[in-house]
């Protein structure tokens, strides 16, 4: 789960900058992990905390907190509008949310009423994606802004001290971004280009990133995922791969060319939104992330390759972890794609569980990486801790 010492497990971003610590021998990497574990053991033994709070869950601290029976929470996206929720482990799980989803599936399966639910896109994702530039001028500007800090790190020996990214290695993906965006514009397909086919939408993920490294530690190989899917779908099916807006530049042209050599796989034109692909697809495949939630709200079946995703508890979602389970799930989900009743049950179950467990924190996304103290946001966080955890 460490993007440095675990770099060898990150298969899908062949142009992601190298890190010095990724070349450490096995024993040194084990000692690095133990260093974090020993640190949190020391903190726990000395101060006897009753609660840990963090922005993202630490794998090592999660292990220690579970063993010591200490509550450990972090604030996370609820994947609905401005809403947030507290998650209780490194797999992005809230156990009350899981319980609510299961209860709601039984509850709404016994009802026949059709409920109108208006899904709101996750605002933080929309906010960050809106800041990304794919122009050559934008790439050059970003490169020039980073250059002084890179020189400073070289002079001060920062790279060697931290054993992190090598000097100037992030500049190459920055400058590559507009070229890869043009590559997708050239070879990417639009929905009207694929009329007559059954579409299977498979979005790529931002990598290396928390959602793949920590939330899906068992499996994160997108290339293998697509290969299983390609060998499982019907002859009149086409897999549509859409690149994550933040990941242009960290994957090579050769990586994408391998997909294009598969007869039933195409790249998505970057100007066509994920929502349009979801609405025009027979089913959606995910590893982690928000697209699976969006698919449920658009009443589409989902094939999930991430073991811990909340939507795995819904009747129109199947979890797969090898070729056989992928093949079986594809055939089951194709049959479910016309079951409007069950698709509606999944949507209602997820929506009402999210509304019960999550809470509004409008504007929090604008405070990301800024040294601004927001007492309004802090008050909401404290209030929900008291209400939901009696803290």
Protein backbone atom coordinates (compact mmCIF):
# COMPACT_ATOMS: atom_id res chain seq x y z
CA UNK A 1 0.00 0.00 0.00
CA UNK A 2 3.05 2.34 0.13
CA UNK A 3 3.61 3.90 -3.30
CA UNK A 4 7.35 3.91 -2.53
CA UNK A 5 8.35 0.53 -1.11
CA UNK A 6 5.33 -1.08 -2.80
CA UNK A 7 6.07 0.39 -6.24
CA UNK A 8 6.66 -3.06 -7.71
CA UNK A 9 2.96 -3.88 -7.28
CA UNK A 10 1.78 -0.82 -9.23
CA UNK A 11 1.45 -2.37 -12.68
CA UNK A 12 -0.83 0.10 -14.42
CA UNK A 13 1.15 3.34 -14.45
CA UNK A 14 4.34 2.52 -16.30
CA UNK A 15 5.30 6.21 -16.57
CA UNK A 16 4.72 7.06 -12.92
CA UNK A 17 7.93 8.62 -11.53
CA UNK A 18 10.40 6.28 -9.90
CA UNK A 19 11.22 6.49 -6.20
CA UNK A 20 14.58 5.74 -4.60
CA UNK A 21 13.08 3.61 -1.82
CA UNK A 22 11.40 1.32 -4.35
CA UNK A 23 14.86 -0.19 -5.00
CA UNK A 24 15.53 -1.07 -1.36
CA UNK A 25 16.22 -4.75 -0.58
CA UNK A 26 13.48 -6.85 1.02
CA UNK A 27 14.82 -6.63 4.60
CA UNK A 28 15.03 -2.83 4.48
CA UNK A 29 11.43 -2.59 3.23
CA UNK A 30 10.24 -4.83 6.05
CA UNK A 31 12.05 -2.61 8.57
CA UNK A 32 10.33 0.45 7.08
CA UNK A 33 6.92 -1.11 7.70
CA UNK A 34 7.95 -2.20 11.20
CA UNK A 35 9.10 1.35 11.96
CA UNK A 36 5.52 2.60 11.54
CA UNK A 37 4.09 -0.31 13.55
CA UNK A 38 6.55 0.23 16.41
CA UNK A 39 5.75 3.96 16.42
CA UNK A 40 2.01 3.43 16.78
CA UNK A 41 2.55 0.72 19.40
CA UNK A 42 4.61 3.23 21.40
CA UNK A 43 1.95 5.95 21.10
CA UNK A 44 -0.81 3.52 22.11
CA UNK A 45 1.09 2.10 25.10
CA UNK A 46 2.22 5.50 26.40
CA UNK A 47 -0.92 7.63 25.99
CA UNK A 48 -3.75 5.06 26.03
CA UNK A 49 -5.91 7.01 23.54
CA UNK A 50 -9.63 6.31 23.24
CA UNK A 51 -9.88 7.66 19.70
CA UNK A 52 -7.66 8.17 16.64
CA UNK A 53 -8.68 10.67 13.93
CA UNK A 54 -6.91 11.16 10.59
CA UNK A 55 -7.54 12.44 7.08
CA UNK A 56 -6.84 9.02 5.55
CA UNK A 57 -6.55 5.67 7.27
CA UNK A 58 -3.02 4.40 7.91
CA UNK A 59 -2.67 0.66 7.34
CA UNK A 60 -0.23 0.24 10.23
CA UNK A 61 -2.30 2.31 12.66
CA UNK A 62 -5.44 0.39 11.62
CA UNK A 63 -3.75 -2.87 12.59
CA UNK A 64 -2.67 -1.51 15.98
CA UNK A 65 -6.05 0.16 16.68
CA UNK A 66 -7.97 -3.04 15.90
CA UNK A 67 -5.67 -5.11 18.09
CA UNK A 68 -5.92 -2.61 20.95
CA UNK A 69 -9.70 -2.16 20.48
CA UNK A 70 -9.33 1.61 19.98
CA UNK A 71 -11.77 3.42 17.70
CA UNK A 72 -10.06 4.85 14.63
CA UNK A 73 -12.00 7.13 12.28
CA UNK A 74 -11.29 9.24 9.24
CA UNK A 75 -13.50 11.64 7.33
CA UNK A 76 -14.31 10.41 3.83
CA UNK A 77 -16.47 11.10 0.81
CA UNK A 78 -19.94 9.59 0.89
CA UNK A 79 -19.90 9.71 -2.96
CA UNK A 80 -23.04 11.83 -3.02
CA UNK A 81 -23.01 15.61 -3.50
CA UNK A 82 -21.33 17.46 -0.62
CA UNK A 83 -21.91 14.65 1.85
CA UNK A 84 -19.21 13.06 4.02
CA UNK A 85 -19.15 10.15 6.43
CA UNK A 86 -16.85 8.63 9.02
CA UNK A 87 -15.08 5.47 7.86
CA UNK A 88 -13.85 2.90 10.34
CA UNK A 89 -11.04 1.03 8.63
CA UNK A 90 -8.50 1.30 5.82
CA UNK A 91 -10.96 -0.28 3.39
CA UNK A 92 -13.17 2.84 3.39
CA UNK A 93 -15.93 1.01 5.26
CA UNK A 94 -18.56 2.29 7.65
CA UNK A 95 -20.16 -0.71 9.35
CA UNK A 96 -23.47 1.02 10.06
CA UNK A 97 -23.70 1.90 6.37
CA UNK A 98 -23.21 -1.74 5.40
CA UNK A 99 -25.85 -2.79 7.92
CA UNK A 100 -28.29 -0.17 6.62
CA UNK A 101 -27.77 -1.25 3.00
CA UNK A 102 -28.52 -4.88 3.85
CA UNK A 103 -31.62 -3.93 5.85
CA UNK A 104 -32.83 -1.65 3.07
CA UNK A 105 -32.46 -4.36 0.43
CA UNK A 106 -34.92 -6.53 2.39
CA UNK A 107 -37.19 -3.56 3.09
CA UNK A 108 -37.51 -2.27 -0.47
CA UNK A 109 -37.67 -5.75 -2.01
CA UNK A 110 -41.09 -6.10 -0.36
CA UNK A 111 -42.38 -2.83 -1.80
CA UNK A 112 -43.71 -2.14 -5.27
CA UNK A 113 -43.71 1.66 -5.19
CA UNK A 114 -41.44 3.50 -7.63
CA UNK A 115 -39.50 6.24 -5.84
CA UNK A 116 -37.91 9.18 -7.67
CA UNK A 117 -34.32 9.69 -6.53
CA UNK A 118 -32.22 12.53 -7.87
CA UNK A 119 -28.55 11.58 -7.62
CA UNK A 120 -26.03 14.36 -7.03
CA UNK A 121 -22.52 13.86 -8.41
CA UNK A 122 -19.72 13.80 -5.86
CA UNK A 123 -18.73 17.47 -5.68
CA UNK A 124 -15.12 16.96 -4.64
CA UNK A 125 -14.39 14.83 -7.69
CA UNK A 126 -16.06 17.35 -9.98
CA UNK A 127 -14.15 20.21 -8.30
CA UNK A 128 -10.69 18.67 -8.72
CA UNK A 129 -11.30 17.47 -12.27
CA UNK A 130 -12.38 20.99 -13.25
CA UNK A 131 -8.90 22.24 -12.26
CA UNK A 132 -7.03 19.91 -14.64
CA UNK A 133 -5.58 21.40 -17.84
CA UNK A 134 -4.79 19.31 -20.91
CA UNK A 135 -3.22 22.09 -22.97
CA UNK A 136 0.47 22.36 -23.86
CA UNK A 137 0.60 25.84 -22.31
CA UNK A 138 -0.94 24.49 -19.10
CA UNK A 139 1.62 21.65 -18.97
CA UNK A 140 4.51 24.07 -19.51
CA UNK A 141 3.18 26.42 -16.83
CA UNK A 142 2.89 23.57 -14.32
CA UNK A 143 6.41 22.44 -15.18
CA UNK A 144 7.87 25.93 -14.66
CA UNK A 145 6.05 26.34 -11.34
CA UNK A 146 7.50 23.06 -10.06
CA UNK A 147 11.04 23.71 -11.30
CA UNK A 148 12.21 26.00 -8.40
CA UNK A 149 11.13 23.49 -5.73
CA UNK A 150 12.86 20.67 -7.62
CA UNK A 151 16.11 22.65 -7.71
CA UNK A 152 15.78 23.48 -4.03
CA UNK A 153 15.28 19.82 -3.17
CA UNK A 154 18.36 18.88 -5.20
CA UNK A 155 20.55 21.48 -3.49
CA UNK A 156 19.35 20.62 0.03
CA UNK A 157 19.61 16.87 -0.55
CA UNK A 158 15.88 16.40 0.09
CA UNK A 159 15.57 13.52 -2.40
CA UNK A 160 18.29 11.46 -0.74
CA UNK A 161 17.04 12.20 2.78
CA UNK A 162 13.49 11.08 2.06
CA UNK A 163 14.38 8.44 -0.54
CA UNK A 164 11.37 9.68 -2.46
CA UNK A 165 10.93 10.72 -6.09
CA UNK A 166 14.11 11.26 -8.08
CA UNK A 167 15.09 14.73 -9.28
CA UNK A 168 12.76 16.15 -11.97
CA UNK A 169 10.95 12.81 -12.46
CA UNK A 170 7.47 14.36 -12.04
CA UNK A 171 8.17 16.81 -14.86
CA UNK A 172 7.97 14.14 -17.54
CA UNK A 173 4.34 13.08 -16.76
CA UNK A 174 3.35 16.76 -16.61
CA UNK A 175 4.70 17.42 -20.09
CA UNK A 176 3.33 14.10 -21.40
CA UNK A 177 -0.26 14.87 -20.31
CA UNK A 178 -1.37 16.94 -23.35
CA UNK A 179 0.17 14.40 -25.76
CA UNK A 180 -1.75 11.50 -24.18
CA UNK A 181 -4.92 13.56 -24.13
CA UNK A 182 -4.52 14.10 -27.89
CA UNK A 183 -3.90 10.35 -28.28
CA UNK A 184 -7.32 9.67 -26.73
CA UNK A 185 -8.94 12.33 -28.89
CA UNK A 186 -7.50 10.61 -31.95
CA UNK A 187 -8.35 6.99 -31.11
CA UNK A 188 -11.16 7.40 -28.60
CA UNK A 189 -14.69 6.40 -29.56
CA UNK A 190 -17.96 8.23 -28.91
CA UNK A 191 -21.27 6.56 -28.12
CA UNK A 192 -22.56 7.10 -31.66
CA UNK A 193 -19.53 5.21 -33.05
CA UNK A 194 -20.60 2.02 -31.26
CA UNK A 195 -24.25 1.68 -32.23
CA UNK A 196 -25.39 -1.94 -32.49
CA UNK A 197 -23.01 -3.19 -29.79
CA UNK A 198 -23.73 -4.04 -26.17
CA UNK A 199 -21.44 -1.74 -24.20
CA UNK A 200 -19.50 -2.70 -21.08
CA UNK A 201 -18.11 0.43 -19.45
CA UNK A 202 -14.84 0.11 -17.51
CA UNK A 203 -13.32 3.33 -16.11
CA UNK A 204 -9.63 3.55 -15.29
CA UNK A 205 -8.46 4.72 -11.87
CA UNK A 206 -6.12 7.43 -10.64
CA UNK A 207 -2.95 5.56 -9.76
CA UNK A 208 -1.03 5.09 -7.57
CA UNK A 209 -3.68 6.33 -5.20
CA UNK A 210 -5.35 5.50 -1.88
CA UNK A 211 -8.40 3.93 -3.51
CA UNK A 212 -6.36 1.26 -5.28
CA UNK A 213 -3.35 0.77 -3.00
CA UNK A 214 -5.21 0.56 0.32
CA UNK A 215 -8.87 -0.05 -0.50
CA UNK A 216 -8.18 -2.90 -2.93
CA UNK A 217 -4.88 -4.41 -1.79
CA UNK A 218 -5.74 -7.94 -3.01
CA UNK A 219 -6.18 -6.92 -6.65
CA UNK A 220 -5.38 -3.77 -8.62
CA UNK A 221 -4.21 -5.05 -12.00
CA UNK A 222 -6.47 -3.30 -14.52
CA UNK A 223 -4.83 -5.04 -17.49
CA UNK A 224 -5.72 -8.46 -16.10
CA UNK A 225 -9.24 -7.27 -15.22
CA UNK A 226 -9.87 -6.17 -18.82
CA UNK A 227 -8.41 -9.42 -20.17
CA UNK A 228 -10.83 -11.49 -18.04
CA UNK A 229 -13.73 -9.32 -19.13
CA UNK A 230 -12.71 -9.40 -22.81
CA UNK A 231 -12.79 -13.20 -22.76
CA UNK A 232 -16.19 -13.31 -21.01
CA UNK A 233 -18.52 -10.90 -22.82
CA UNK A 234 -20.73 -11.90 -25.79
CA UNK A 235 -19.51 -11.56 -29.37
CA UNK A 236 -21.67 -8.45 -29.86
CA UNK A 237 -20.16 -6.76 -26.81
CA UNK A 238 -17.58 -3.96 -26.67
CA UNK A 239 -15.59 -2.91 -23.60
CA UNK A 240 -15.18 0.86 -23.34
CA UNK A 241 -12.18 2.05 -21.33
CA UNK A 242 -12.23 5.65 -20.13
CA UNK A 243 -9.07 7.17 -18.71
CA UNK A 244 -9.27 8.91 -15.35
CA UNK A 245 -9.01 12.70 -15.87
CA UNK A 246 -6.12 12.94 -13.38
CA UNK A 247 -4.07 10.13 -14.97
CA UNK A 248 -3.17 11.41 -18.42
CA UNK A 249 0.62 11.30 -18.49
CA UNK A 250 1.39 8.48 -16.04
CA UNK A 251 0.58 5.73 -18.54
CA UNK A 252 2.40 5.24 -21.81
CA UNK A 253 1.03 5.01 -25.33
CA UNK A 254 2.23 1.38 -25.39
CA UNK A 255 0.09 0.60 -22.34
CA UNK A 256 -3.06 1.81 -24.12
CA UNK A 257 -2.01 0.12 -27.39
CA UNK A 258 -2.24 -3.24 -25.65
CA UNK A 259 -5.93 -2.60 -25.04
CA UNK A 260 -6.49 -1.50 -28.62
CA UNK A 261 -5.04 -4.82 -29.82
CA UNK A 262 -7.90 -6.64 -28.10
CA UNK A 263 -10.66 -6.94 -30.69
CA UNK A 264 -13.56 -6.13 -28.38
CA UNK A 265 -11.91 -3.28 -26.44
CA UNK A 266 -11.96 0.41 -27.37
CA UNK A 267 -10.79 3.62 -25.73
CA UNK A 268 -13.36 6.27 -24.82
CA UNK A 269 -13.17 9.76 -26.28
CA UNK A 270 -12.15 12.08 -23.40
CA UNK A 271 -14.97 14.54 -24.10
CA UNK A 272 -17.69 11.93 -23.45
CA UNK A 273 -18.59 11.90 -19.76
CA UNK A 274 -18.66 8.80 -17.58
CA UNK A 275 -22.37 9.45 -17.02
CA UNK A 276 -23.11 9.18 -20.76
CA UNK A 277 -21.19 5.89 -20.97
CA UNK A 278 -22.99 4.51 -17.90
CA UNK A 279 -26.40 5.37 -19.33
CA UNK A 280 -25.56 3.70 -22.65
CA UNK A 281 -23.97 0.56 -21.20
CA UNK A 282 -25.37 -2.87 -20.44
CA UNK A 283 -23.29 -3.05 -17.28
CA UNK A 284 -20.41 -1.25 -15.57
CA UNK A 285 -17.20 -2.73 -14.20
CA UNK A 286 -15.20 -1.14 -11.38
CA UNK A 287 -12.26 -1.75 -9.10
CA UNK A 288 -13.02 0.97 -6.55
CA UNK A 289 -14.27 4.55 -6.73
CA UNK A 290 -17.41 6.52 -7.45
CA UNK A 291 -18.46 5.19 -10.87
CA UNK A 292 -19.97 2.06 -9.31
CA UNK A 293 -22.20 4.21 -7.11
CA UNK A 294 -23.21 6.32 -10.13
CA UNK A 295 -24.09 3.11 -12.00
CA UNK A 296 -26.37 1.95 -9.17
CA UNK A 297 -28.19 5.30 -9.21
CA UNK A 298 -28.60 4.98 -12.98
CA UNK A 299 -30.05 1.49 -12.48
CA UNK A 300 -27.22 -0.40 -14.13
CA UNK A 301 -25.77 -3.71 -12.87
CA UNK A 302 -22.18 -3.56 -11.63
CA UNK A 303 -19.29 -6.01 -11.76
CA UNK A 304 -16.93 -5.12 -8.88
CA UNK A 305 -13.33 -6.32 -8.61
CA UNK A 306 -12.73 -4.51 -5.31
CA UNK A 307 -13.52 -6.74 -2.34
CA UNK A 308 -14.60 -4.06 0.14
CA UNK A 309 -16.85 -1.77 -1.89
CA UNK A 310 -20.10 -0.84 -0.13
CA UNK A 311 -22.18 -1.60 -3.23
CA UNK A 312 -21.06 -5.25 -3.13
CA UNK A 313 -23.92 -5.73 -0.66
CA UNK A 314 -26.54 -4.90 -3.32
CA UNK A 315 -28.44 -7.58 -5.31
CA UNK A 316 -27.47 -6.09 -8.70
CA UNK A 317 -23.72 -6.10 -7.97
CA UNK A 318 -21.37 -9.06 -8.31
CA UNK A 319 -17.86 -9.35 -6.88
CA UNK A 320 -15.27 -11.17 -9.01
CA UNK A 321 -11.66 -12.05 -8.22
CA UNK A 322 -10.58 -14.38 -11.04
CA UNK A 323 -11.51 -15.39 -14.58
CA UNK A 324 -14.14 -17.97 -13.60
CA UNK A 325 -15.99 -15.63 -11.22
CA UNK A 326 -15.78 -12.86 -13.84
CA UNK A 327 -17.28 -15.08 -16.52
CA UNK A 328 -20.07 -16.23 -14.22
CA UNK A 329 -20.82 -12.68 -13.03
CA UNK A 330 -21.01 -11.29 -16.57
CA UNK A 331 -23.71 -13.79 -17.55
CA UNK A 332 -25.68 -13.22 -14.34
CA UNK A 333 -25.54 -9.43 -14.68
CA UNK A 334 -26.58 -9.47 -18.34
CA UNK A 335 -29.76 -11.27 -17.25
CA UNK A 336 -30.25 -8.77 -14.41
CA UNK A 337 -29.91 -5.78 -16.74
CA UNK A 338 -33.62 -5.99 -17.61
CA UNK A 339 -34.81 -6.51 -14.03
CA UNK A 340 -36.10 -2.99 -13.37
CA UNK A 341 -37.56 -3.97 -10.01
CA UNK A 342 -34.28 -5.26 -8.60
CA UNK A 343 -32.27 -2.37 -10.05
CA UNK A 344 -34.67 0.04 -8.36
CA UNK A 345 -34.32 -1.83 -5.06
CA UNK A 346 -30.53 -1.42 -5.20
CA UNK A 347 -30.86 2.30 -5.86
CA UNK A 348 -33.33 2.86 -3.02
CA UNK A 349 -31.34 0.73 -0.58
CA UNK A 350 -28.12 2.62 -1.28
CA UNK A 351 -29.68 6.08 -1.28
CA UNK A 352 -31.50 5.77 2.04
CA UNK A 353 -28.48 4.15 3.72
CA UNK A 354 -26.25 7.00 2.53
CA UNK A 355 -28.71 9.63 3.72
CA UNK A 356 -28.94 7.99 7.16
CA UNK A 357 -25.20 7.67 7.73
CA UNK A 358 -23.65 10.67 5.93
CA UNK A 359 -23.90 14.42 6.53
CA UNK A 360 -23.51 17.66 4.54
CA UNK A 361 -20.13 19.45 4.54
CA UNK A 362 -20.57 21.95 1.74
CA UNK A 363 -17.39 23.76 0.74
CA UNK A 364 -14.95 21.33 2.35
CA UNK A 365 -13.45 20.45 -1.04
CA UNK A 366 -12.21 24.05 -1.44
CA UNK A 367 -10.12 23.77 1.75
CA UNK A 368 -8.06 20.85 0.39
CA UNK A 369 -4.30 21.49 0.87
CA UNK A 370 -4.96 25.03 2.13
CA UNK A 371 -3.89 26.36 5.52
CA UNK A 372 -7.35 27.60 6.41
CA UNK A 373 -9.11 26.78 9.66
CA UNK A 374 -12.86 26.37 9.19
CA UNK A 375 -14.69 26.35 12.52
CA UNK A 376 -17.98 25.67 10.71
CA UNK A 377 -16.61 22.43 9.25
CA UNK A 378 -15.01 21.49 12.57
CA UNK A 379 -18.32 22.02 14.36
CA UNK A 380 -20.09 19.66 11.93
CA UNK A 381 -17.39 17.01 12.40
CA UNK A 382 -17.56 17.22 16.21
CA UNK A 383 -21.37 17.20 16.18
CA UNK A 384 -21.49 14.01 14.08
CA UNK A 385 -18.88 12.31 16.27
CA UNK A 386 -21.08 12.95 19.29
CA UNK A 387 -24.27 11.83 17.56
CA UNK A 388 -22.99 8.74 15.77
CA UNK A 389 -20.30 7.50 18.15
CA UNK A 390 -21.27 9.06 21.50
CA UNK A 391 -17.83 10.70 21.69
